[in-house]
Structure formats: structure tokens, C-alpha cells
Amino acid sequence: MSTLLQQVKVSDTSSEFHNQNVDILIDNHTIIQIAPQLDNEADQVIEAGGMTIMPGWVDVMADFSEPGYEHKETIHSGLAAAVNGGFRQVFVVPNTQPVIHNKSMVEFIVNKGRSAAAKVHPLGAVSKGTEGKELAEMLDMYYAGAIAFSDGWKPVQNAQLLLKALEYVKSFDGIIIQVPVNQSLAAGGLMHEGPNSVKWGMPGIPSIAESLQVYRDLELLRYTGSRLHFSGISTAASLELIKAAKNEGLDVSCSVTPHHLLYTDAILETYDSNYKVEPPLRSESDRQALIAAVLDGTIDCIATHHRSHEWDAKTREFEYTAYGMNTIETAYAMIREAIPGISDETLCSLMSGNARKIFRLEAATIAKDGRDFTIIDPAGKWTFNNNSKKSLGINSPLLQHELEGRIINI
């Protein structure tokens, strides 16, 4: 079916139409023609004034659960949810059963997602079984299609192993992704350690559990001269370390989740397990530091950390509920609420351009024959509910809420 977008704004510095309002004819999700004005007939015509088209978004960390936990999410449902949220490429963690730690598992993930509207990129495990004891077959996984290497929700704690991994990936210009958590300091914690955890009697996870890990990993990066990406940065202290490392010239980058930009630990006063995530929601001063780091470019990318769960996993005593939030479909609305004045240029870099450069993805541009694009309607309102969502998970605090910031899928 063909669609004519009338007077949509282009946000793409590599496009000759950057910052212009144009007409775009799209057929079979391919840009057929772009001009200041088109008179072509189309199956549907959308008056797109106020909307923006930009290179397709990239999510640098999500959990689609398959194989092994298909009751939570599948690659099919996860990719459908990704498209619903504006993401055209998604990196998926290896914390499946079996773990994505060899060539055959990487090929399985790639093949399962081959016919979807969004592209899935497996993150190969750094260690066998994500057990943090022995290096996995990273070179084989790289040639099979692994986009990067990470132990996902079980970040590498063994310094010697991480050093070996950083040295190993240099041979093929690979990159390691760490969720920076010192698990010995975070053990038993349920939320951010601070006045609120004391007030509500919950074990806390101190900020230093993150910043200490960032410090250690940066020292290993400095020693090896390799490439490292931190996913899910949540504290101001970590940002200062990363900013200094970037200024020094280390090849380090980082991402933030939509929920850490929007919420703080104060919201856990309700004991709502939908807000139980890892890294935990931090203080308001940390949240403001994250927003500032998005705007000044210290934070490079968005990683939704989408973790879909069934009703049973989230509906029990808070201590025993699963970590994670269903976020991939609501990420844009969450970012808009957290940073109302975010510019199209910043959004484009945060959601697409930086990730493409860091992870050596093919460039995308808004031009004739282009297929990799995202269309947003900043003022568009929609309700996130069972009729509109594609994910299998129920663990979103935004279910049944009207949201502002809509994705236009064609």
C-alpha cells in the first residue's frame, strides 16, 4: 500500500532535505520519491505537518527472552513491539536458555528475526554460559553476526576475564558492553540506597556499586586500548568518570534507559514492582545529571533495557518480584515527558546516529530508495493498552495511560 506524507519535516544531517518540510511517497516501506511538493496518487494521504522523519532508531540493549522464556517474550513479539516503538534495529542480550554463547545460537537468533520489519542483532556472551569464568567463542560469534559482546544482566565481575575479553575483541575491532554493577556491593538490594530506602525499610543498592565498576572497567580499557560501552548508566558519579575518560581519548561510550530519565526512587513509595529495575531508579539529582548528559552529548545512545514479564513475575511480594520494565513501545513518550524540549537533532543522534557509528552499523539516510526510517508525531496522543501494544509483557506502569508522542508506522 502506498502512502503520501505531506509536508513532513526531515531531520537527517546527511540528507539534502535536512530541516525541510517535504512530501514523501512511500510504498512497501520504501521511499519512492521526495520533493517539496508531490501530486502523486496514493492509497492513503497523511497530512504530516508537525511530524518528523529521521533515520531508523536503534535500541542497543533489550531482552526478547527466546529461546527458553517464550512465555515472557519471543523474537517475533519483541520485534513487533520494537517497530511499534519506532525502533528498526535492536540488540538483544544473551541471557536466554541456552545462552547465546556460540555460533549456532547467534545464527538461530539472526534467522528467527530475518523476515521481521525490524532487524535483530544478537549480543554474543563474553563468557560461556554468562558464568564469568571462561571466554566464549567470540570470534566465531562475530562472523556469525554478533553485533557486540556482553554478559547482559550478569555483567563480568572477574577483572582478569574482562581484560582478556577487551584484548581479544581488538583483533576484529569488536566492542564489549557492560551494565556496570559491582554485584558484591549490590547483593540483596531492592532499590537505590538513600533516605527513601531507609524510610521504607528496603535494602539499598549504593551508587558506588555502579561507579566503582565504571572506574575498574575504565582502568582495564585504558590498559588494553580496546573499545567499551556502558549500558544503563544511572548515577552522576559514573557520568563524571565517563566524561573524563572521553576527554582523555579512551574509546568509551554509554547509554541510558528511558525510565532512568523519567523516574526516581521516590516513586517506589507505592511499592509498585513495575518500577523495580536494575540498575535501580536513582535520586532526582542523578536524574537531572542524566538529562544534562543527554543534552551535552556525554550520553551517546538509548538502551531501553526492555524486559518483558508475565503477571506472575510481577505480582507477589516486592522482594520476590522480577527486575525489569516493559519499555520498548513507550520509550519515545517517556523521553518526551522527561525532556520536553529535546530537539530533533539531539533525538536523532541519541536514537540512531551515534549507535550506528559506535557499533559500525550501516548508515541510513532519508533519500530515494531508503527503507530504514522512523516517523514521529511529537504532539500525537495514544493510549498504551492491550489493543495497542505488541509485547507479551504486562509490566509497564504506563498501561492504560494516555501518552503524548506517537510513532507513525507505514
Protein backbone atom coordinates (compact mmCIF):
# COMPACT_ATOMS: atom_id res chain seq x y z
CA MET A 1 0.00 0.00 0.00
CA SER A 2 1.35 3.42 -0.94
CA THR A 3 1.34 6.38 1.41
CA LEU A 4 1.92 10.06 0.69
CA LEU A 5 3.27 12.09 3.61
CA GLN A 6 2.52 15.75 3.04
CA GLN A 7 4.89 18.36 4.48
CA VAL A 8 6.76 16.12 6.89
CA LYS A 9 9.96 17.56 8.39
CA VAL A 10 13.22 15.77 7.60
CA SER A 11 15.76 15.51 10.43
CA ASP A 12 18.90 13.96 8.94
CA THR A 13 22.13 15.90 8.52
CA SER A 14 23.23 13.53 5.73
CA SER A 15 20.10 14.23 3.68
CA GLU A 16 19.81 17.04 1.13
CA PHE A 17 16.37 17.71 2.62
CA HIS A 18 17.59 18.18 6.24
CA ASN A 19 15.35 20.56 8.20
CA GLN A 20 13.00 20.95 5.23
CA ASN A 21 9.28 20.19 5.07
CA VAL A 22 8.68 17.93 2.08
CA ASP A 23 6.26 15.47 0.53
CA ILE A 24 7.38 11.83 0.62
CA LEU A 25 5.83 8.95 -1.30
CA ILE A 26 6.33 5.59 0.44
CA ASP A 27 5.44 2.16 -0.95
CA ASN A 28 6.25 -1.20 0.64
CA HIS A 29 8.14 0.66 3.37
CA THR A 30 10.46 2.17 0.74
CA ILE A 31 10.83 5.85 -0.09
CA ILE A 32 9.82 6.17 -3.74
CA GLN A 33 10.04 9.91 -4.16
CA ILE A 34 10.85 13.07 -2.19
CA ALA A 35 10.14 16.62 -3.31
CA PRO A 36 8.97 19.96 -1.89
CA GLN A 37 5.56 19.01 -3.25
CA LEU A 38 4.20 15.89 -4.94
CA ASP A 39 0.94 15.35 -6.85
CA ASN A 40 1.18 11.55 -6.95
CA GLU A 41 -1.87 9.48 -6.17
CA ALA A 42 -1.53 7.17 -3.16
CA ASP A 43 -3.66 4.67 -1.28
CA GLN A 44 -3.52 6.91 1.76
CA VAL A 45 -2.54 10.54 2.25
CA ILE A 46 -1.31 11.79 5.62
CA GLU A 47 -1.16 15.48 6.37
CA ALA A 48 2.15 15.31 8.20
CA GLY A 49 2.67 18.90 9.29
CA GLY A 50 4.28 18.74 12.76
CA MET A 51 5.61 15.23 12.15
CA THR A 52 9.29 14.36 11.62
CA ILE A 53 11.03 11.61 9.66
CA MET A 54 14.58 10.60 10.60
CA PRO A 55 16.93 7.62 10.17
CA GLY A 56 15.58 4.48 11.84
CA TRP A 57 16.12 4.14 15.58
CA VAL A 58 18.48 1.64 17.20
CA ASP A 59 17.95 0.07 20.63
CA VAL A 60 21.31 -1.02 21.98
CA MET A 61 20.01 -3.39 24.68
CA ALA A 62 16.74 -5.27 25.07
CA ASP A 63 15.66 -8.73 26.22
CA PHE A 64 13.46 -10.80 23.91
CA SER A 65 13.73 -13.94 26.11
CA GLU A 66 13.77 -16.50 23.28
CA PRO A 67 14.88 -19.25 23.45
CA GLY A 68 13.87 -20.59 26.83
CA TYR A 69 11.49 -17.96 28.18
CA GLU A 70 8.97 -17.57 25.37
CA HIS A 71 6.18 -17.01 27.90
CA LYS A 72 7.76 -13.62 28.61
CA GLU A 73 8.59 -12.52 25.06
CA THR A 74 9.54 -14.01 21.72
CA ILE A 75 11.73 -12.63 18.99
CA HIS A 76 8.59 -12.19 16.88
CA SER A 77 6.62 -10.32 19.56
CA GLY A 78 9.68 -8.35 20.63
CA LEU A 79 10.41 -7.13 17.11
CA ALA A 80 6.74 -6.24 16.58
CA ALA A 81 6.90 -4.20 19.79
CA ALA A 82 10.15 -2.59 18.61
CA VAL A 83 8.51 -1.43 15.38
CA ASN A 84 5.56 -0.16 17.39
CA GLY A 85 8.03 1.91 19.40
CA GLY A 86 9.89 3.27 16.38
CA PHE A 87 12.95 1.01 16.59
CA ARG A 88 14.25 -0.53 13.37
CA GLN A 89 17.23 -2.35 14.85
CA VAL A 90 17.52 -3.99 18.27
CA PHE A 91 20.44 -5.58 20.14
CA VAL A 92 19.26 -8.49 22.28
CA VAL A 93 21.01 -9.77 25.41
CA PRO A 94 22.38 -13.33 25.57
CA ASN A 95 20.60 -14.23 28.84
CA THR A 96 18.46 -16.92 27.24
CA GLN A 97 18.26 -20.69 27.76
CA PRO A 98 20.51 -21.83 26.21
CA VAL A 99 22.74 -18.77 26.41
CA ILE A 100 23.81 -17.03 23.18
CA HIS A 101 27.44 -18.01 23.59
CA ASN A 102 28.34 -19.80 20.37
CA LYS A 103 27.96 -19.56 16.60
CA SER A 104 24.85 -21.75 16.35
CA MET A 105 22.93 -19.65 18.90
CA VAL A 106 23.83 -16.42 17.11
CA GLU A 107 22.64 -17.92 13.83
CA PHE A 108 19.42 -19.07 15.49
CA ILE A 109 18.60 -15.51 16.63
CA VAL A 110 19.51 -13.96 13.28
CA ASN A 111 17.40 -16.46 11.35
CA LYS A 112 14.39 -16.12 13.68
CA GLY A 113 14.29 -12.37 13.01
CA ARG A 114 15.04 -12.47 9.30
CA SER A 115 11.54 -11.67 7.98
CA ALA A 116 10.58 -9.04 10.55
CA ALA A 117 10.13 -5.31 9.88
CA ALA A 118 12.89 -4.59 12.41
CA LYS A 119 16.33 -6.21 12.45
CA VAL A 120 17.55 -8.19 15.45
CA HIS A 121 21.25 -8.17 16.38
CA PRO A 122 22.39 -10.79 18.91
CA LEU A 123 24.83 -9.75 21.63
CA GLY A 124 27.19 -12.67 22.00
CA ALA A 125 28.08 -13.64 25.56
CA VAL A 126 31.53 -12.66 26.80
CA SER A 127 31.76 -15.79 28.94
CA LYS A 128 30.48 -19.31 28.43
CA GLY A 129 27.03 -19.60 29.95
CA THR A 130 27.43 -15.97 31.15
CA GLU A 131 29.07 -17.55 34.19
CA GLY A 132 32.04 -15.18 34.18
CA LYS A 133 34.60 -17.99 34.27
CA GLU A 134 35.80 -18.74 30.72
CA LEU A 135 35.76 -16.73 27.50
CA ALA A 136 33.08 -17.70 24.99
CA GLU A 137 33.74 -18.26 21.28
CA MET A 138 33.67 -14.56 20.41
CA LEU A 139 35.38 -14.68 17.03
CA ASP A 140 33.02 -17.38 15.72
CA MET A 141 30.05 -15.42 17.01
CA TYR A 142 31.32 -12.22 15.41
CA TYR A 143 31.50 -13.83 11.97
CA ALA A 144 28.06 -15.40 12.52
CA GLY A 145 26.50 -11.97 13.15
CA ALA A 146 27.02 -10.94 16.78
CA ILE A 147 26.99 -7.13 16.85
CA ALA A 148 28.91 -6.85 20.14
CA PHE A 149 29.66 -8.87 23.28
CA SER A 150 28.09 -8.71 26.70
CA ASP A 151 27.04 -10.93 29.57
CA GLY A 152 23.90 -8.80 29.71
CA TRP A 153 22.15 -8.82 33.07
CA LYS A 154 25.12 -10.72 34.57
CA PRO A 155 27.96 -8.23 33.94
CA VAL A 156 31.50 -9.59 34.06
CA GLN A 157 32.82 -9.36 37.62
CA ASN A 158 36.17 -11.09 37.06
CA ALA A 159 38.70 -8.39 36.15
CA GLN A 160 41.11 -10.82 34.52
CA LEU A 161 38.37 -12.24 32.31
CA LEU A 162 37.21 -8.79 31.21
CA LEU A 163 40.79 -7.77 30.46
CA LYS A 164 41.19 -10.85 28.24
CA ALA A 165 37.89 -10.08 26.51
CA LEU A 166 38.88 -6.47 25.83
CA GLU A 167 42.19 -7.62 24.39
CA TYR A 168 40.57 -10.38 22.33
CA VAL A 169 37.99 -8.19 20.55
CA LYS A 170 40.71 -5.81 19.37
CA SER A 171 41.68 -8.38 16.73
CA PHE A 172 38.42 -7.73 14.84
CA ASP A 173 37.58 -4.20 16.09
CA GLY A 174 34.87 -5.59 18.36
CA ILE A 175 33.29 -3.92 21.36
CA ILE A 176 32.28 -5.05 24.86
CA ILE A 177 29.05 -3.87 26.52
CA GLN A 178 28.86 -3.80 30.30
CA VAL A 179 25.93 -2.99 32.57
CA PRO A 180 28.14 -1.53 35.31
CA VAL A 181 27.17 -3.21 38.56
CA ASN A 182 29.51 -4.48 41.26
CA GLN A 183 27.41 -7.42 42.32
CA SER A 184 29.06 -7.85 45.71
CA LEU A 185 28.01 -4.31 46.66
CA ALA A 186 24.57 -4.63 45.09
CA ALA A 187 23.78 -8.05 46.58
CA GLY A 188 20.40 -8.19 48.28
CA GLY A 189 19.48 -4.64 47.27
CA LEU A 190 15.98 -3.84 46.07
CA MET A 191 16.22 -0.11 45.31
CA HIS A 192 18.59 2.86 45.39
CA GLU A 193 20.33 3.25 48.74
CA GLY A 194 19.38 6.58 50.26
CA PRO A 195 16.86 8.31 52.51
CA ASN A 196 13.93 6.63 50.76
CA SER A 197 15.29 3.09 51.19
CA VAL A 198 15.76 3.81 54.90
CA LYS A 199 12.28 5.32 55.17
CA TRP A 200 10.59 2.36 53.55
CA GLY A 201 12.78 -0.32 55.11
CA MET A 202 14.15 -1.78 51.89
CA PRO A 203 17.74 -2.96 51.35
CA GLY A 204 19.56 -0.45 49.18
CA ILE A 205 21.94 -0.60 46.21
CA PRO A 206 24.52 2.17 46.70
CA SER A 207 25.61 4.44 43.85
CA ILE A 208 29.17 3.25 44.38
CA ALA A 209 28.12 -0.23 43.22
CA GLU A 210 27.92 1.35 39.77
CA SER A 211 30.66 3.99 39.85
CA LEU A 212 33.25 1.59 41.29
CA GLN A 213 32.57 -0.83 38.43
CA VAL A 214 32.82 2.00 35.90
CA TYR A 215 36.16 3.05 37.42
CA ARG A 216 37.53 -0.51 37.29
CA ASP A 217 36.37 -1.12 33.74
CA LEU A 218 37.80 2.19 32.54
CA GLU A 219 41.17 1.23 34.03
CA LEU A 220 41.03 -2.05 32.09
CA LEU A 221 40.04 -0.15 28.95
CA ARG A 222 42.96 2.26 29.42
CA TYR A 223 45.34 -0.68 29.84
CA THR A 224 44.11 -2.58 26.77
CA GLY A 225 43.32 0.30 24.40
CA SER A 226 40.15 -1.54 23.37
CA ARG A 227 36.51 -0.43 22.94
CA LEU A 228 33.87 -0.40 25.72
CA HIS A 229 30.25 0.66 26.01
CA PHE A 230 28.40 1.08 29.32
CA SER A 231 24.67 0.42 29.13
CA GLY A 232 22.15 1.72 31.65
CA ILE A 233 24.23 4.43 33.33
CA SER A 234 22.23 5.73 36.30
CA THR A 235 24.45 7.92 38.52
CA ALA A 236 26.07 11.34 38.31
CA ALA A 237 29.36 9.89 39.62
CA SER A 238 29.54 7.41 36.74
CA LEU A 239 28.93 10.19 34.22
CA GLU A 240 31.84 12.22 35.58
CA LEU A 241 34.16 9.23 35.18
CA ILE A 242 32.97 8.58 31.64
CA LYS A 243 33.22 12.24 30.65
CA ALA A 244 36.82 12.38 31.90
CA ALA A 245 37.65 9.17 30.02
CA LYS A 246 36.21 10.57 26.81
CA ASN A 247 38.22 13.77 27.23
CA GLU A 248 41.30 11.61 27.70
CA GLY A 249 40.62 9.94 24.36
CA LEU A 250 39.55 6.47 25.53
CA ASP A 251 37.19 4.66 23.15
CA VAL A 252 34.27 4.58 25.58
CA SER A 253 30.60 5.28 25.05
CA CYS A 254 27.44 4.91 27.13
CA SER A 255 23.67 4.65 27.02
CA VAL A 256 20.77 5.47 29.31
CA THR A 257 17.31 3.96 29.67
CA PRO A 258 14.07 5.93 29.19
CA HIS A 259 12.95 5.03 32.72
CA HIS A 260 16.07 6.41 34.37
CA LEU A 261 15.46 9.70 32.56
CA LEU A 262 11.85 9.84 33.72
CA TYR A 263 11.56 8.29 37.20
CA THR A 264 13.37 8.42 40.54
CA ASP A 265 13.44 6.17 43.59
CA ALA A 266 10.72 8.35 45.15
CA ILE A 267 8.13 6.58 43.02
CA LEU A 268 8.74 3.33 44.92
CA GLU A 269 6.75 4.74 47.83
CA THR A 270 3.88 2.79 46.26
CA TYR A 271 5.89 -0.49 46.31
CA ASP A 272 4.80 -0.91 42.68
CA SER A 273 7.01 -3.67 41.28
CA ASN A 274 6.77 -2.19 37.78
CA TYR A 275 9.43 0.26 39.00
CA LYS A 276 11.74 -2.47 40.28
CA VAL A 277 14.55 -2.36 37.75
CA GLU A 278 18.30 -2.86 37.60
CA PRO A 279 20.21 -0.64 37.78
CA PRO A 280 17.69 0.83 40.26
CA LEU A 281 15.93 4.15 39.82
CA ARG A 282 18.17 6.75 41.47
CA SER A 283 17.79 10.16 43.11
CA GLU A 284 16.44 13.33 41.49
CA SER A 285 19.94 14.81 41.35
CA ASP A 286 21.11 11.73 39.44
CA ARG A 287 18.14 12.01 37.07
CA GLN A 288 18.93 15.65 36.36
CA ALA A 289 22.57 14.73 35.71
CA LEU A 290 21.43 12.11 33.19
CA ILE A 291 19.24 14.62 31.37
CA ALA A 292 22.10 17.13 31.25
CA ALA A 293 24.40 14.41 29.90
CA VAL A 294 21.92 13.61 27.12
CA LEU A 295 21.81 17.26 26.11
CA ASP A 296 25.59 17.82 26.23
CA GLY A 297 26.39 14.59 24.37
CA THR A 298 28.11 12.69 27.19
CA ILE A 299 25.41 10.02 26.87
CA ASP A 300 25.54 8.58 23.37
CA CYS A 301 22.54 6.26 22.99
CA ILE A 302 19.25 4.99 24.31
CA ALA A 303 19.09 1.39 25.54
CA THR A 304 15.53 0.54 26.51
CA HIS A 305 16.57 -2.39 28.75
CA HIS A 306 13.18 -3.76 27.74
CA ARG A 307 12.45 -6.76 29.95
CA SER A 308 9.03 -8.24 29.42
CA HIS A 309 7.38 -10.23 32.22
CA GLU A 310 4.19 -12.14 32.75
CA TRP A 311 1.67 -11.38 35.52
CA ASP A 312 3.09 -13.93 37.97
CA ALA A 313 6.61 -12.49 37.82
CA LYS A 314 5.49 -9.06 38.98
CA THR A 315 2.50 -9.80 41.23
CA ARG A 316 3.87 -11.05 44.54
CA GLU A 317 5.80 -9.62 47.50
CA PHE A 318 8.11 -6.84 46.25
CA GLU A 319 11.22 -8.69 47.39
CA TYR A 320 10.44 -11.66 45.17
CA THR A 321 9.26 -9.90 42.02
CA ALA A 322 11.39 -9.92 38.88
CA TYR A 323 13.54 -6.97 37.83
CA GLY A 324 12.66 -5.11 34.67
CA MET A 325 10.18 -2.87 32.87
CA ASN A 326 8.37 -3.20 29.55
CA THR A 327 9.64 -0.07 27.76
CA ILE A 328 10.35 -0.55 24.08
CA GLU A 329 6.94 0.67 22.85
CA THR A 330 6.72 3.67 25.19
CA ALA A 331 10.35 4.83 25.04
CA TYR A 332 9.65 7.88 22.88
CA ALA A 333 6.75 9.08 25.02
CA MET A 334 8.88 8.60 28.15
CA ILE A 335 11.78 10.59 26.70
CA ARG A 336 9.45 13.38 25.59
CA GLU A 337 7.98 13.61 29.08
CA ALA A 338 11.41 13.56 30.71
CA ILE A 339 12.98 16.09 28.30
CA PRO A 340 10.09 18.10 26.79
CA GLY A 341 12.35 20.43 24.82
CA ILE A 342 14.59 17.78 23.25
CA SER A 343 15.48 18.82 19.70
CA ASP A 344 15.04 16.63 16.64
CA GLU A 345 18.83 16.74 16.08
CA THR A 346 19.57 15.51 19.62
CA LEU A 347 16.89 12.83 19.38
CA CYS A 348 18.25 11.67 16.03
CA SER A 349 21.78 11.33 17.41
CA LEU A 350 20.61 9.66 20.62
CA MET A 351 18.28 7.17 18.96
CA SER A 352 20.11 6.45 15.73
CA GLY A 353 23.25 8.25 14.57
CA ASN A 354 25.56 7.59 17.50
CA ALA A 355 24.70 3.89 17.77
CA ARG A 356 25.33 3.42 14.04
CA LYS A 357 28.80 4.93 14.38
CA ILE A 358 29.76 3.17 17.62
CA PHE A 359 28.62 -0.29 16.53
CA ARG A 360 29.60 0.06 12.85
CA LEU A 361 26.05 -0.27 11.57
CA GLU A 362 25.18 0.66 8.01
CA ALA A 363 24.36 4.35 7.68
CA ALA A 364 20.75 5.31 6.97
CA THR A 365 19.57 8.46 5.25
CA ILE A 366 16.26 9.96 4.22
CA ALA A 367 16.54 9.64 0.44
CA LYS A 368 15.01 7.84 -2.52
CA ASP A 369 15.06 4.04 -2.04
CA GLY A 370 15.62 4.46 1.72
CA ARG A 371 13.96 1.80 3.88
CA ASP A 372 15.41 2.47 7.33
CA PHE A 373 13.46 5.36 8.85
CA THR A 374 11.29 6.35 11.80
CA ILE A 375 8.39 8.79 11.69
CA ILE A 376 7.32 10.60 14.87
CA ASP A 377 4.37 12.77 15.77
CA PRO A 378 5.51 14.70 18.89
CA ALA A 379 2.03 16.01 19.68
CA GLY A 380 0.23 12.77 18.82
CA LYS A 381 -1.72 11.20 21.67
CA TRP A 382 -2.39 7.49 22.07
CA THR A 383 -3.29 5.03 24.80
CA PHE A 384 -0.94 2.19 25.70
CA ASN A 385 -3.20 -0.79 26.33
CA ASN A 386 -3.78 -4.39 25.30
CA ASN A 387 -5.20 -3.24 21.97
CA SER A 388 -2.22 -1.06 21.03
CA LYS A 389 0.70 -2.99 22.49
CA LYS A 390 2.55 -5.80 20.73
CA SER A 391 4.77 -7.05 23.57
CA LEU A 392 3.61 -10.05 25.59
CA GLY A 393 4.61 -8.37 28.85
CA ILE A 394 2.25 -6.65 31.28
CA ASN A 395 4.94 -4.95 33.38
CA SER A 396 4.60 -1.32 32.40
CA PRO A 397 3.43 1.45 34.73
CA LEU A 398 2.05 3.19 31.63
CA LEU A 399 -0.55 0.55 30.72
CA GLN A 400 -3.98 2.16 30.29
CA HIS A 401 -2.39 5.64 30.25
CA GLU A 402 -2.79 8.21 27.50
CA LEU A 403 0.66 9.18 26.24
CA GLU A 404 1.97 12.05 24.15
CA GLY A 405 4.50 11.25 21.45
CA ARG A 406 3.34 8.80 18.80
CA ILE A 407 5.14 6.64 16.24
CA ILE A 408 3.69 6.62 12.72
CA ASN A 409 4.15 3.19 11.15
CA ILE A 410 3.62 2.82 7.43
